Amino acid sequence: MGWARYHIEKLRAGTTVKFRPHGNSMTPRIKSGQLCTVEPVEPDKLEVGDVVLCTIRGADYLHIVKAIADDGRYQIGNNHGKINGWIGGHAIFGRLVRVDP
């Protein structure tokens, strides 16, 4: 079970969540420990550059949509150029709407 399972279940139920992710893969956009607010989102409403809570190969990430394919897949990566991979909309659970200290 990944670090975000509780939040993902809440997002699936239509509830906005707040949490403090740790790590440096999204700096300076999101610093480790900052309070992030994530709202449920329909994948077809996403745009390149949106930050999403998603699962890739069993790992949970709060990372950036880097590209959107015509077939409805989304390329996910961090803020330092690393690409995590391509996922379907079923693996995206929410979009970041606010970052607080």
PDB file of N, CA and C in Angstrom:
ATOM      1  N   MET A   1       0.844  -1.184   0.000  1.00  0.00           N
ATOM      2  CA  MET A   1       0.000   0.000   0.000  1.00  0.00           C
ATOM      3  C   MET A   1       0.883   1.239   0.000  1.00  0.00           C
ATOM      4  N   GLY A   2       0.624   2.165  -0.929  1.00  0.00           N
ATOM      5  CA  GLY A   2       1.434   3.363  -1.075  1.00  0.00           C
ATOM      6  C   GLY A   2       1.071   4.452  -0.074  1.00  0.00           C
ATOM      7  N   TRP A   3       1.899   5.461  -0.026  1.00  0.00           N
ATOM      8  CA  TRP A   3       1.726   6.560   0.922  1.00  0.00           C
ATOM      9  C   TRP A   3       0.420   7.317   0.722  1.00  0.00           C
ATOM     10  N   ALA A   4      -0.154   7.278  -0.471  1.00  0.00           N
ATOM     11  CA  ALA A   4      -1.322   8.100  -0.790  1.00  0.00           C
ATOM     12  C   ALA A   4      -2.640   7.337  -0.804  1.00  0.00           C
ATOM     13  N   ARG A   5      -2.661   6.076  -0.415  1.00  0.00           N
ATOM     14  CA  ARG A   5      -3.892   5.259  -0.515  1.00  0.00           C
ATOM     15  C   ARG A   5      -5.101   5.912   0.142  1.00  0.00           C
ATOM     16  N   TYR A   6      -4.928   6.430   1.341  1.00  0.00           N
ATOM     17  CA  TYR A   6      -6.036   7.070   2.053  1.00  0.00           C
ATOM     18  C   TYR A   6      -6.572   8.251   1.242  1.00  0.00           C
ATOM     19  N   HIS A   7      -5.664   9.066   0.723  1.00  0.00           N
ATOM     20  CA  HIS A   7      -6.065  10.249  -0.042  1.00  0.00           C
ATOM     21  C   HIS A   7      -6.739   9.854  -1.359  1.00  0.00           C
ATOM     22  N   ILE A   8      -6.239   8.828  -1.994  1.00  0.00           N
ATOM     23  CA  ILE A   8      -6.825   8.357  -3.247  1.00  0.00           C
ATOM     24  C   ILE A   8      -8.258   7.878  -3.023  1.00  0.00           C
ATOM     25  N   GLU A   9      -8.496   7.155  -1.947  1.00  0.00           N
ATOM     26  CA  GLU A   9      -9.858   6.690  -1.656  1.00  0.00           C
ATOM     27  C   GLU A   9     -10.791   7.863  -1.426  1.00  0.00           C
ATOM     28  N   LYS A  10     -10.330   8.884  -0.722  1.00  0.00           N
ATOM     29  CA  LYS A  10     -11.146  10.085  -0.508  1.00  0.00           C
ATOM     30  C   LYS A  10     -11.437  10.792  -1.826  1.00  0.00           C
ATOM     31  N   LEU A  11     -10.423  10.919  -2.686  1.00  0.00           N
ATOM     32  CA  LEU A  11     -10.622  11.555  -3.994  1.00  0.00           C
ATOM     33  C   LEU A  11     -11.615  10.765  -4.838  1.00  0.00           C
ATOM     34  N   ARG A  12     -11.527   9.457  -4.821  1.00  0.00           N
ATOM     35  CA  ARG A  12     -12.474   8.613  -5.559  1.00  0.00           C
ATOM     36  C   ARG A  12     -13.906   8.830  -5.086  1.00  0.00           C
ATOM     37  N   ALA A  13     -14.055   9.169  -3.811  1.00  0.00           N
ATOM     38  CA  ALA A  13     -15.382   9.414  -3.240  1.00  0.00           C
ATOM     39  C   ALA A  13     -15.839  10.856  -3.466  1.00  0.00           C
ATOM     40  N   GLY A  14     -15.004  11.663  -4.153  1.00  0.00           N
ATOM     41  CA  GLY A  14     -15.391  13.028  -4.478  1.00  0.00           C
ATOM     42  C   GLY A  14     -14.989  14.080  -3.466  1.00  0.00           C
ATOM     43  N   THR A  15     -14.096  13.729  -2.541  1.00  0.00           N
ATOM     44  CA  THR A  15     -13.676  14.634  -1.475  1.00  0.00           C
ATOM     45  C   THR A  15     -12.319  15.250  -1.787  1.00  0.00           C
ATOM     46  N   THR A  16     -12.190  16.556  -1.567  1.00  0.00           N
ATOM     47  CA  THR A  16     -10.902  17.235  -1.674  1.00  0.00           C
ATOM     48  C   THR A  16     -10.038  16.819  -0.486  1.00  0.00           C
ATOM     49  N   VAL A  17      -8.734  16.637  -0.717  1.00  0.00           N
ATOM     50  CA  VAL A  17      -7.816  16.214   0.344  1.00  0.00           C
ATOM     51  C   VAL A  17      -6.670  17.209   0.487  1.00  0.00           C
ATOM     52  N   LYS A  18      -6.075  17.198   1.680  1.00  0.00           N
ATOM     53  CA  LYS A  18      -4.883  17.995   1.966  1.00  0.00           C
ATOM     54  C   LYS A  18      -3.858  17.079   2.608  1.00  0.00           C
ATOM     55  N   PHE A  19      -2.613  17.220   2.193  1.00  0.00           N
ATOM     56  CA  PHE A  19      -1.540  16.412   2.769  1.00  0.00           C
ATOM     57  C   PHE A  19      -0.210  17.109   2.542  1.00  0.00           C
ATOM     58  N   ARG A  20       0.814  16.625   3.237  1.00  0.00           N
ATOM     59  CA  ARG A  20       2.161  17.198   3.154  1.00  0.00           C
ATOM     60  C   ARG A  20       3.122  16.141   2.601  1.00  0.00           C
ATOM     61  N   PRO A  21       3.299  16.116   1.278  1.00  0.00           N
ATOM     62  CA  PRO A  21       4.221  15.131   0.711  1.00  0.00           C
ATOM     63  C   PRO A  21       5.674  15.484   1.053  1.00  0.00           C
ATOM     64  N   HIS A  22       6.499  14.463   1.095  1.00  0.00           N
ATOM     65  CA  HIS A  22       7.919  14.661   1.410  1.00  0.00           C
ATOM     66  C   HIS A  22       8.773  14.155   0.259  1.00  0.00           C
ATOM     67  N   GLY A  23       9.826  14.873  -0.004  1.00  0.00           N
ATOM     68  CA  GLY A  23      10.732  14.557  -1.093  1.00  0.00           C
ATOM     69  C   GLY A  23      11.076  15.822  -1.848  1.00  0.00           C
ATOM     70  N   ASN A  24      12.020  15.706  -2.763  1.00  0.00           N
ATOM     71  CA  ASN A  24      12.504  16.891  -3.479  1.00  0.00           C
ATOM     72  C   ASN A  24      12.273  16.840  -4.976  1.00  0.00           C
ATOM     73  N   SER A  25      11.504  15.875  -5.463  1.00  0.00           N
ATOM     74  CA  SER A  25      11.326  15.725  -6.908  1.00  0.00           C
ATOM     75  C   SER A  25      10.499  16.837  -7.540  1.00  0.00           C
ATOM     76  N   MET A  26       9.776  17.608  -6.737  1.00  0.00           N
ATOM     77  CA  MET A  26       8.942  18.677  -7.291  1.00  0.00           C
ATOM     78  C   MET A  26       9.428  20.078  -6.919  1.00  0.00           C
ATOM     79  N   THR A  27      10.610  20.182  -6.271  1.00  0.00           N
ATOM     80  CA  THR A  27      11.143  21.499  -5.929  1.00  0.00           C
ATOM     81  C   THR A  27      11.561  22.233  -7.193  1.00  0.00           C
ATOM     82  N   PRO A  28      11.469  23.533  -7.269  1.00  0.00           N
ATOM     83  CA  PRO A  28      10.964  24.432  -6.235  1.00  0.00           C
ATOM     84  C   PRO A  28       9.434  24.622  -6.285  1.00  0.00           C
ATOM     85  N   ARG A  29       8.771  23.989  -7.207  1.00  0.00           N
ATOM     86  CA  ARG A  29       7.315  24.161  -7.340  1.00  0.00           C
ATOM     87  C   ARG A  29       6.582  23.733  -6.071  1.00  0.00           C
ATOM     88  N   ILE A  30       6.967  22.581  -5.513  1.00  0.00           N
ATOM     89  CA  ILE A  30       6.446  22.107  -4.240  1.00  0.00           C
ATOM     90  C   ILE A  30       7.646  21.684  -3.408  1.00  0.00           C
ATOM     91  N   LYS A  31       7.811  22.313  -2.254  1.00  0.00           N
ATOM     92  CA  LYS A  31       8.911  21.951  -1.363  1.00  0.00           C
ATOM     93  C   LYS A  31       8.452  20.844  -0.424  1.00  0.00           C
ATOM     94  N   SER A  32       9.375  20.024  -0.002  1.00  0.00           N
ATOM     95  CA  SER A  32       9.084  18.920   0.904  1.00  0.00           C
ATOM     96  C   SER A  32       8.360  19.417   2.147  1.00  0.00           C
ATOM     97  N   GLY A  33       7.221  18.816   2.447  1.00  0.00           N
ATOM     98  CA  GLY A  33       6.463  19.148   3.637  1.00  0.00           C
ATOM     99  C   GLY A  33       5.441  20.256   3.489  1.00  0.00           C
ATOM    100  N   GLN A  34       5.358  20.887   2.313  1.00  0.00           N
ATOM    101  CA  GLN A  34       4.347  21.920   2.127  1.00  0.00           C
ATOM    102  C   GLN A  34       2.962  21.281   2.061  1.00  0.00           C
ATOM    103  N   LEU A  35       1.954  22.044   2.521  1.00  0.00           N
ATOM    104  CA  LEU A  35       0.580  21.564   2.520  1.00  0.00           C
ATOM    105  C   LEU A  35       0.003  21.687   1.107  1.00  0.00           C
ATOM    106  N   CYS A  36      -0.394  20.539   0.539  1.00  0.00           N
ATOM    107  CA  CYS A  36      -0.939  20.488  -0.818  1.00  0.00           C
ATOM    108  C   CYS A  36      -2.421  20.153  -0.758  1.00  0.00           C
ATOM    109  N   THR A  37      -3.219  20.912  -1.504  1.00  0.00           N
ATOM    110  CA  THR A  37      -4.645  20.654  -1.623  1.00  0.00           C
ATOM    111  C   THR A  37      -4.900  20.062  -2.997  1.00  0.00           C
ATOM    112  N   VAL A  38      -5.539  18.894  -3.029  1.00  0.00           N
ATOM    113  CA  VAL A  38      -5.794  18.170  -4.272  1.00  0.00           C
ATOM    114  C   VAL A  38      -7.293  17.902  -4.371  1.00  0.00           C
ATOM    115  N   GLU A  39      -7.868  18.257  -5.521  1.00  0.00           N
ATOM    116  CA  GLU A  39      -9.290  18.042  -5.772  1.00  0.00           C
ATOM    117  C   GLU A  39      -9.489  16.905  -6.761  1.00  0.00           C
ATOM    118  N   PRO A  40     -10.623  16.207  -6.652  1.00  0.00           N
ATOM    119  CA  PRO A  40     -10.924  15.191  -7.667  1.00  0.00           C
ATOM    120  C   PRO A  40     -10.966  15.845  -9.045  1.00  0.00           C
ATOM    121  N   VAL A  41     -10.614  15.083 -10.074  1.00  0.00           N
ATOM    122  CA  VAL A  41     -10.607  15.637 -11.427  1.00  0.00           C
ATOM    123  C   VAL A  41     -10.966  14.541 -12.429  1.00  0.00           C
ATOM    124  N   GLU A  42     -11.680  14.931 -13.457  1.00  0.00           N
ATOM    125  CA  GLU A  42     -11.925  14.037 -14.588  1.00  0.00           C
ATOM    126  C   GLU A  42     -10.704  14.140 -15.502  1.00  0.00           C
ATOM    127  N   PRO A  43     -10.103  13.043 -15.878  1.00  0.00           N
ATOM    128  CA  PRO A  43      -8.881  13.100 -16.684  1.00  0.00           C
ATOM    129  C   PRO A  43      -9.018  13.920 -17.977  1.00  0.00           C
ATOM    130  N   ASP A  44     -10.186  13.935 -18.583  1.00  0.00           N
ATOM    131  CA  ASP A  44     -10.325  14.696 -19.834  1.00  0.00           C
ATOM    132  C   ASP A  44     -10.289  16.207 -19.608  1.00  0.00           C
ATOM    133  N   LYS A  45     -10.262  16.652 -18.360  1.00  0.00           N
ATOM    134  CA  LYS A  45     -10.155  18.082 -18.033  1.00  0.00           C
ATOM    135  C   LYS A  45      -8.704  18.502 -17.790  1.00  0.00           C
ATOM    136  N   LEU A  46      -7.784  17.532 -17.806  1.00  0.00           N
ATOM    137  CA  LEU A  46      -6.386  17.826 -17.519  1.00  0.00           C
ATOM    138  C   LEU A  46      -5.689  18.496 -18.693  1.00  0.00           C
ATOM    139  N   GLU A  47      -4.683  19.286 -18.348  1.00  0.00           N
ATOM    140  CA  GLU A  47      -3.842  19.946 -19.338  1.00  0.00           C
ATOM    141  C   GLU A  47      -2.380  19.657 -19.017  1.00  0.00           C
ATOM    142  N   VAL A  48      -1.537  19.758 -20.026  1.00  0.00           N
ATOM    143  CA  VAL A  48      -0.099  19.642 -19.810  1.00  0.00           C
ATOM    144  C   VAL A  48       0.300  20.723 -18.812  1.00  0.00           C
ATOM    145  N   GLY A  49       1.087  20.337 -17.819  1.00  0.00           N
ATOM    146  CA  GLY A  49       1.519  21.255 -16.777  1.00  0.00           C
ATOM    147  C   GLY A  49       0.764  21.098 -15.472  1.00  0.00           C
ATOM    148  N   ASP A  50      -0.402  20.455 -15.503  1.00  0.00           N
ATOM    149  CA  ASP A  50      -1.139  20.195 -14.272  1.00  0.00           C
ATOM    150  C   ASP A  50      -0.350  19.227 -13.399  1.00  0.00           C
ATOM    151  N   VAL A  51      -0.437  19.410 -12.091  1.00  0.00           N
ATOM    152  CA  VAL A  51       0.164  18.480 -11.136  1.00  0.00           C
ATOM    153  C   VAL A  51      -0.950  17.567 -10.648  1.00  0.00           C
ATOM    154  N   VAL A  52      -0.713  16.260 -10.719  1.00  0.00           N
ATOM    155  CA  VAL A  52      -1.750  15.288 -10.387  1.00  0.00           C
ATOM    156  C   VAL A  52      -1.254  14.278  -9.359  1.00  0.00           C
ATOM    157  N   LEU A  53      -2.199  13.746  -8.591  1.00  0.00           N
ATOM    158  CA  LEU A  53      -1.929  12.602  -7.733  1.00  0.00           C
ATOM    159  C   LEU A  53      -2.275  11.375  -8.551  1.00  0.00           C
ATOM    160  N   CYS A  54      -1.295  10.498  -8.753  1.00  0.00           N
ATOM    161  CA  CYS A  54      -1.491   9.363  -9.642  1.00  0.00           C
ATOM    162  C   CYS A  54      -0.683   8.163  -9.156  1.00  0.00           C
ATOM    163  N   THR A  55      -0.942   7.028  -9.790  1.00  0.00           N
ATOM    164  CA  THR A  55      -0.198   5.804  -9.494  1.00  0.00           C
ATOM    165  C   THR A  55       0.437   5.294 -10.780  1.00  0.00           C
ATOM    166  N   ILE A  56       1.731   5.027 -10.728  1.00  0.00           N
ATOM    167  CA  ILE A  56       2.474   4.503 -11.871  1.00  0.00           C
ATOM    168  C   ILE A  56       3.236   3.270 -11.413  1.00  0.00           C
ATOM    169  N   ARG A  57       2.968   2.135 -12.051  1.00  0.00           N
ATOM    170  CA  ARG A  57       3.631   0.872 -11.705  1.00  0.00           C
ATOM    171  C   ARG A  57       3.625   0.618 -10.198  1.00  0.00           C
ATOM    172  N   GLY A  58       2.490   0.882  -9.555  1.00  0.00           N
ATOM    173  CA  GLY A  58       2.323   0.594  -8.146  1.00  0.00           C
ATOM    174  C   GLY A  58       2.827   1.650  -7.187  1.00  0.00           C
ATOM    175  N   ALA A  59       3.452   2.714  -7.688  1.00  0.00           N
ATOM    176  CA  ALA A  59       3.953   3.783  -6.823  1.00  0.00           C
ATOM    177  C   ALA A  59       3.084   5.029  -6.983  1.00  0.00           C
ATOM    178  N   ASP A  60       2.851   5.732  -5.868  1.00  0.00           N
ATOM    179  CA  ASP A  60       2.038   6.945  -5.882  1.00  0.00           C
ATOM    180  C   ASP A  60       2.932   8.166  -6.036  1.00  0.00           C
ATOM    181  N   TYR A  61       2.468   9.111  -6.858  1.00  0.00           N
ATOM    182  CA  TYR A  61       3.234  10.327  -7.124  1.00  0.00           C
ATOM    183  C   TYR A  61       2.321  11.537  -7.146  1.00  0.00           C
ATOM    184  N   LEU A  62       2.870  12.673  -6.742  1.00  0.00           N
ATOM    185  CA  LEU A  62       2.271  13.976  -6.988  1.00  0.00           C
ATOM    186  C   LEU A  62       3.214  14.637  -7.984  1.00  0.00           C
ATOM    187  N   HIS A  63       2.952  14.405  -9.268  1.00  0.00           N
ATOM    188  CA  HIS A  63       3.859  14.836 -10.324  1.00  0.00           C
ATOM    189  C   HIS A  63       3.112  15.537 -11.450  1.00  0.00           C
ATOM    190  N   ILE A  64       3.834  15.948 -12.452  1.00  0.00           N
ATOM    191  CA  ILE A  64       3.328  16.817 -13.521  1.00  0.00           C
ATOM    192  C   ILE A  64       2.902  16.012 -14.740  1.00  0.00           C
ATOM    193  N   VAL A  65       1.787  16.446 -15.359  1.00  0.00           N
ATOM    194  CA  VAL A  65       1.394  15.912 -16.670  1.00  0.00           C
ATOM    195  C   VAL A  65       2.316  16.574 -17.684  1.00  0.00           C
ATOM    196  N   LYS A  66       3.181  15.785 -18.309  1.00  0.00           N
ATOM    197  CA  LYS A  66       4.159  16.301 -19.270  1.00  0.00           C
ATOM    198  C   LYS A  66       3.637  16.286 -20.704  1.00  0.00           C
ATOM    199  N   ALA A  67       2.752  15.335 -21.016  1.00  0.00           N
ATOM    200  CA  ALA A  67       2.192  15.227 -22.365  1.00  0.00           C
ATOM    201  C   ALA A  67       0.881  14.454 -22.276  1.00  0.00           C
ATOM    202  N   ILE A  68       0.018  14.697 -23.259  1.00  0.00           N
ATOM    203  CA  ILE A  68      -1.248  13.969 -23.353  1.00  0.00           C
ATOM    204  C   ILE A  68      -1.338  13.395 -24.758  1.00  0.00           C
ATOM    205  N   ALA A  69      -1.504  12.083 -24.837  1.00  0.00           N
ATOM    206  CA  ALA A  69      -1.587  11.402 -26.132  1.00  0.00           C
ATOM    207  C   ALA A  69      -3.024  11.424 -26.646  1.00  0.00           C
ATOM    208  N   ASP A  70      -3.174  11.295 -27.937  1.00  0.00           N
ATOM    209  CA  ASP A  70      -4.500  11.262 -28.555  1.00  0.00           C
ATOM    210  C   ASP A  70      -5.335  10.084 -28.078  1.00  0.00           C
ATOM    211  N   ASP A  71      -4.690   9.036 -27.616  1.00  0.00           N
ATOM    212  CA  ASP A  71      -5.423   7.845 -27.170  1.00  0.00           C
ATOM    213  C   ASP A  71      -5.818   7.904 -25.695  1.00  0.00           C
ATOM    214  N   GLY A  72      -5.653   9.071 -25.053  1.00  0.00           N
ATOM    215  CA  GLY A  72      -6.092   9.234 -23.680  1.00  0.00           C
ATOM    216  C   GLY A  72      -5.085   8.820 -22.632  1.00  0.00           C
ATOM    217  N   ARG A  73      -3.834   8.663 -23.001  1.00  0.00           N
ATOM    218  CA  ARG A  73      -2.780   8.366 -22.021  1.00  0.00           C
ATOM    219  C   ARG A  73      -2.080   9.663 -21.636  1.00  0.00           C
ATOM    220  N   TYR A  74      -1.491   9.644 -20.437  1.00  0.00           N
ATOM    221  CA  TYR A  74      -0.851  10.822 -19.878  1.00  0.00           C
ATOM    222  C   TYR A  74       0.578  10.484 -19.500  1.00  0.00           C
ATOM    223  N   GLN A  75       1.518  11.325 -19.955  1.00  0.00           N
ATOM    224  CA  GLN A  75       2.915  11.142 -19.569  1.00  0.00           C
ATOM    225  C   GLN A  75       3.148  11.935 -18.282  1.00  0.00           C
ATOM    226  N   ILE A  76       3.714  11.268 -17.285  1.00  0.00           N
ATOM    227  CA  ILE A  76       3.918  11.865 -15.968  1.00  0.00           C
ATOM    228  C   ILE A  76       5.408  11.976 -15.682  1.00  0.00           C
ATOM    229  N   GLY A  77       5.801  13.105 -15.090  1.00  0.00           N
ATOM    230  CA  GLY A  77       7.191  13.309 -14.728  1.00  0.00           C
ATOM    231  C   GLY A  77       7.323  14.266 -13.563  1.00  0.00           C
ATOM    232  N   ASN A  78       8.556  14.421 -13.078  1.00  0.00           N
ATOM    233  CA  ASN A  78       8.776  15.323 -11.946  1.00  0.00           C
ATOM    234  C   ASN A  78       9.213  16.704 -12.434  1.00  0.00           C
ATOM    235  N   ASN A  79       9.603  17.562 -11.516  1.00  0.00           N
ATOM    236  CA  ASN A  79       9.968  18.934 -11.861  1.00  0.00           C
ATOM    237  C   ASN A  79      11.439  19.077 -12.226  1.00  0.00           C
ATOM    238  N   HIS A  80      12.148  17.946 -12.347  1.00  0.00           N
ATOM    239  CA  HIS A  80      13.577  17.980 -12.669  1.00  0.00           C
ATOM    240  C   HIS A  80      13.891  17.236 -13.962  1.00  0.00           C
ATOM    241  N   GLY A  81      12.866  16.969 -14.757  1.00  0.00           N
ATOM    242  CA  GLY A  81      13.080  16.350 -16.053  1.00  0.00           C
ATOM    243  C   GLY A  81      12.929  14.841 -16.116  1.00  0.00           C
ATOM    244  N   LYS A  82      12.763  14.175 -14.975  1.00  0.00           N
ATOM    245  CA  LYS A  82      12.586  12.718 -14.990  1.00  0.00           C
ATOM    246  C   LYS A  82      11.169  12.379 -15.446  1.00  0.00           C
ATOM    247  N   ILE A  83      11.062  11.420 -16.333  1.00  0.00           N
ATOM    248  CA  ILE A  83       9.766  10.925 -16.794  1.00  0.00           C
ATOM    249  C   ILE A  83       9.488   9.602 -16.091  1.00  0.00           C
ATOM    250  N   ASN A  84       8.334   9.531 -15.440  1.00  0.00           N
ATOM    251  CA  ASN A  84       7.937   8.302 -14.747  1.00  0.00           C
ATOM    252  C   ASN A  84       7.299   7.301 -15.694  1.00  0.00           C
ATOM    253  N   GLY A  85       6.606   7.788 -16.731  1.00  0.00           N
ATOM    254  CA  GLY A  85       5.974   6.897 -17.684  1.00  0.00           C
ATOM    255  C   GLY A  85       4.609   7.393 -18.122  1.00  0.00           C
ATOM    256  N   TRP A  86       3.945   6.540 -18.902  1.00  0.00           N
ATOM    257  CA  TRP A  86       2.616   6.829 -19.444  1.00  0.00           C
ATOM    258  C   TRP A  86       1.570   6.042 -18.661  1.00  0.00           C
ATOM    259  N   ILE A  87       0.439   6.691 -18.373  1.00  0.00           N
ATOM    260  CA  ILE A  87      -0.650   6.025 -17.660  1.00  0.00           C
ATOM    261  C   ILE A  87      -1.983   6.409 -18.285  1.00  0.00           C
ATOM    262  N   GLY A  88      -2.977   5.574 -18.051  1.00  0.00           N
ATOM    263  CA  GLY A  88      -4.333   5.893 -18.461  1.00  0.00           C
ATOM    264  C   GLY A  88      -5.012   6.769 -17.418  1.00  0.00           C
ATOM    265  N   GLY A  89      -6.124   7.359 -17.800  1.00  0.00           N
ATOM    266  CA  GLY A  89      -6.864   8.229 -16.902  1.00  0.00           C
ATOM    267  C   GLY A  89      -7.327   7.544 -15.631  1.00  0.00           C
ATOM    268  N   HIS A  90      -7.479   6.226 -15.671  1.00  0.00           N
ATOM    269  CA  HIS A  90      -7.910   5.482 -14.484  1.00  0.00           C
ATOM    270  C   HIS A  90      -6.894   5.546 -13.344  1.00  0.00           C
ATOM    271  N   ALA A  91      -5.653   5.924 -13.649  1.00  0.00           N
ATOM    272  CA  ALA A  91      -4.588   5.973 -12.644  1.00  0.00           C
ATOM    273  C   ALA A  91      -4.332   7.393 -12.140  1.00  0.00           C
ATOM    274  N   ILE A  92      -5.183   8.337 -12.542  1.00  0.00           N
ATOM    275  CA  ILE A  92      -5.087   9.725 -12.083  1.00  0.00           C
ATOM    276  C   ILE A  92      -6.291   9.993 -11.186  1.00  0.00           C
ATOM    277  N   PHE A  93      -6.040  10.512  -9.986  1.00  0.00           N
ATOM    278  CA  PHE A  93      -7.100  10.631  -8.986  1.00  0.00           C
ATOM    279  C   PHE A  93      -7.454  12.052  -8.607  1.00  0.00           C
ATOM    280  N   GLY A  94      -6.536  12.991  -8.788  1.00  0.00           N
ATOM    281  CA  GLY A  94      -6.830  14.369  -8.423  1.00  0.00           C
ATOM    282  C   GLY A  94      -5.805  15.322  -8.985  1.00  0.00           C
ATOM    283  N   ARG A  95      -6.181  16.609  -8.974  1.00  0.00           N
ATOM    284  CA  ARG A  95      -5.306  17.672  -9.485  1.00  0.00           C
ATOM    285  C   ARG A  95      -4.975  18.632  -8.344  1.00  0.00           C
ATOM    286  N   LEU A  96      -3.713  19.011  -8.257  1.00  0.00           N
ATOM    287  CA  LEU A  96      -3.257  19.982  -7.258  1.00  0.00           C
ATOM    288  C   LEU A  96      -3.888  21.345  -7.548  1.00  0.00           C
ATOM    289  N   VAL A  97      -4.498  21.957  -6.528  1.00  0.00           N
ATOM    290  CA  VAL A  97      -5.129  23.255  -6.715  1.00  0.00           C
ATOM    291  C   VAL A  97      -4.524  24.333  -5.829  1.00  0.00           C
ATOM    292  N   ARG A  98      -3.712  23.918  -4.818  1.00  0.00           N
ATOM    293  CA  ARG A  98      -3.149  24.903  -3.909  1.00  0.00           C
ATOM    294  C   ARG A  98      -1.956  24.304  -3.173  1.00  0.00           C
ATOM    295  N   VAL A  99      -0.950  25.164  -2.936  1.00  0.00           N
ATOM    296  CA  VAL A  99       0.213  24.790  -2.127  1.00  0.00           C
ATOM    297  C   VAL A  99       0.411  25.882  -1.072  1.00  0.00           C
ATOM    298  N   ASP A 100       0.447  25.474   0.185  1.00  0.00           N
ATOM    299  CA  ASP A 100       0.647  26.404   1.297  1.00  0.00           C
ATOM    300  C   ASP A 100       1.886  25.985   2.075  1.00  0.00           C
ATOM    301  N   PRO A 101       2.461  26.921   2.816  1.00  0.00           N
ATOM    302  CA  PRO A 101       3.646  26.591   3.628  1.00  0.00           C
ATOM    303  C   PRO A 101       3.368  25.530   4.670  1.00  0.00           C
TER     304      PRO A 101
END
